[in-house]
Amino acid sequence: MPANPYKTLYFNPSIPVVKFSKMAAKFHNDKELKILEKCAELANFKVLPSNKINWYQRKKHKDHSIRIGTHVYYFIPSDVAENIKVTKDDEENDKQAMPGM
């Protein structure tokens, strides 16, 4: 999880506005993703990033898409998510798609 940008701003008030804005956006996007994952766990769903599933699955589950920042995540039932074939398994792509992981 990224550092809290508000604490950083408090201890370093001369931080550039653009840098603070990007830090805050990343911080809040990460918090939203954590909340989404917690909701998915409670509702017996899985959160899959859009770059992990093929175009047909994205089209099929478009009503369950959630945009966080510039990334799109799909809220898919666990039993259906087990049958979905993940398209990319690179760790590098995982880190890009799910910044909190």
Protein backbone atom coordinates (compact mmCIF):
# COMPACT_ATOMS: atom_id res chain seq x y z
CA MET A 1 0.00 0.00 0.00
CA PRO A 2 1.38 3.42 -0.89
CA ALA A 3 2.27 5.84 1.87
CA ASN A 4 -0.40 8.22 3.08
CA PRO A 5 0.14 11.37 0.98
CA TYR A 6 -1.43 13.61 3.60
CA LYS A 7 1.21 12.68 6.17
CA THR A 8 3.86 13.28 3.54
CA LEU A 9 2.38 16.70 2.80
CA TYR A 10 2.26 17.54 6.51
CA PHE A 11 5.95 16.75 7.03
CA ASN A 12 7.03 18.13 3.64
CA PRO A 13 4.76 21.09 2.74
CA SER A 14 6.94 22.11 -0.23
CA ILE A 15 5.99 18.99 -2.23
CA PRO A 16 4.92 19.87 -5.82
CA VAL A 17 1.17 19.90 -6.42
CA VAL A 18 1.30 17.46 -9.35
CA LYS A 19 3.36 14.95 -7.36
CA PHE A 20 0.97 15.22 -4.41
CA SER A 21 -2.01 14.78 -6.73
CA LYS A 22 -0.56 11.60 -8.23
CA MET A 23 0.35 10.25 -4.79
CA ALA A 24 -3.18 10.93 -3.50
CA ALA A 25 -4.80 9.33 -6.56
CA LYS A 26 -2.68 6.19 -6.19
CA PHE A 27 -3.42 6.06 -2.46
CA HIS A 28 -7.19 6.37 -2.94
CA ASN A 29 -7.27 3.92 -5.87
CA ASP A 30 -5.46 1.37 -3.72
CA LYS A 31 -7.95 1.89 -0.88
CA GLU A 32 -10.87 1.47 -3.29
CA LEU A 33 -9.38 -1.77 -4.59
CA LYS A 34 -8.97 -3.11 -1.04
CA ILE A 35 -12.62 -2.25 -0.30
CA LEU A 36 -13.74 -3.92 -3.54
CA GLU A 37 -11.78 -7.08 -2.68
CA LYS A 38 -13.29 -7.15 0.81
CA CYS A 39 -16.82 -6.76 -0.61
CA ALA A 40 -16.14 -9.50 -3.14
CA GLU A 41 -14.98 -11.83 -0.41
CA LEU A 42 -18.11 -11.17 1.66
CA ALA A 43 -20.41 -11.68 -1.34
CA ASN A 44 -18.57 -14.82 -2.54
CA PHE A 45 -17.35 -13.08 -5.70
CA LYS A 46 -13.91 -12.64 -7.26
CA VAL A 47 -12.33 -9.47 -8.59
CA LEU A 48 -10.55 -9.94 -11.91
CA PRO A 49 -8.73 -7.15 -13.77
CA SER A 50 -9.78 -6.62 -17.38
CA ASN A 51 -6.38 -7.53 -18.79
CA LYS A 52 -6.65 -11.02 -17.25
CA ILE A 53 -9.78 -12.12 -19.09
CA ASN A 54 -10.55 -12.33 -22.80
CA TRP A 55 -12.85 -10.02 -24.74
CA TYR A 56 -15.77 -12.45 -24.68
CA GLN A 57 -15.76 -12.72 -20.89
CA ARG A 58 -15.47 -8.91 -20.61
CA LYS A 59 -18.47 -8.53 -22.91
CA LYS A 60 -20.42 -11.21 -21.02
CA HIS A 61 -19.82 -9.62 -17.60
CA LYS A 62 -19.91 -5.95 -18.64
CA ASP A 63 -22.69 -5.21 -16.13
CA HIS A 64 -20.32 -6.17 -13.31
CA SER A 65 -17.43 -3.92 -14.33
CA ILE A 66 -16.00 -1.39 -11.91
CA ARG A 67 -13.51 1.31 -12.87
CA ILE A 68 -10.89 2.32 -10.33
CA GLY A 69 -8.62 5.01 -11.68
CA THR A 70 -7.58 3.91 -15.16
CA HIS A 71 -8.08 0.17 -14.52
CA VAL A 72 -11.29 -1.82 -14.98
CA TYR A 73 -12.11 -4.73 -12.67
CA TYR A 74 -14.85 -7.33 -13.03
CA PHE A 75 -16.91 -8.51 -10.08
CA ILE A 76 -17.55 -12.16 -11.03
CA PRO A 77 -19.16 -14.96 -8.97
CA SER A 78 -16.55 -17.36 -7.55
CA ASP A 79 -17.97 -20.47 -9.22
CA VAL A 80 -17.92 -18.76 -12.63
CA ALA A 81 -14.47 -17.26 -12.01
CA GLU A 82 -13.00 -20.73 -11.45
CA ASN A 83 -14.08 -21.69 -14.99
CA ILE A 84 -12.66 -18.55 -16.61
CA LYS A 85 -9.32 -19.13 -18.22
CA VAL A 86 -6.88 -16.38 -17.28
CA THR A 87 -5.11 -15.02 -20.35
CA LYS A 88 -1.84 -13.74 -18.85
CA ASP A 89 0.08 -15.15 -15.90
CA ASP A 90 3.09 -12.82 -15.79
CA GLU A 91 3.93 -11.49 -12.36
CA GLU A 92 4.81 -8.18 -13.98
CA ASN A 93 1.30 -7.86 -15.42
CA ASP A 94 -0.17 -8.78 -12.04
CA LYS A 95 1.67 -5.92 -10.39
CA GLN A 96 0.50 -3.47 -13.03
CA ALA A 97 -3.10 -4.61 -12.95
CA MET A 98 -3.48 -4.86 -9.19
CA PRO A 99 -1.24 -2.26 -7.57
CA GLY A 100 -2.15 -3.30 -4.02
CA MET A 101 -1.03 -6.87 -4.42
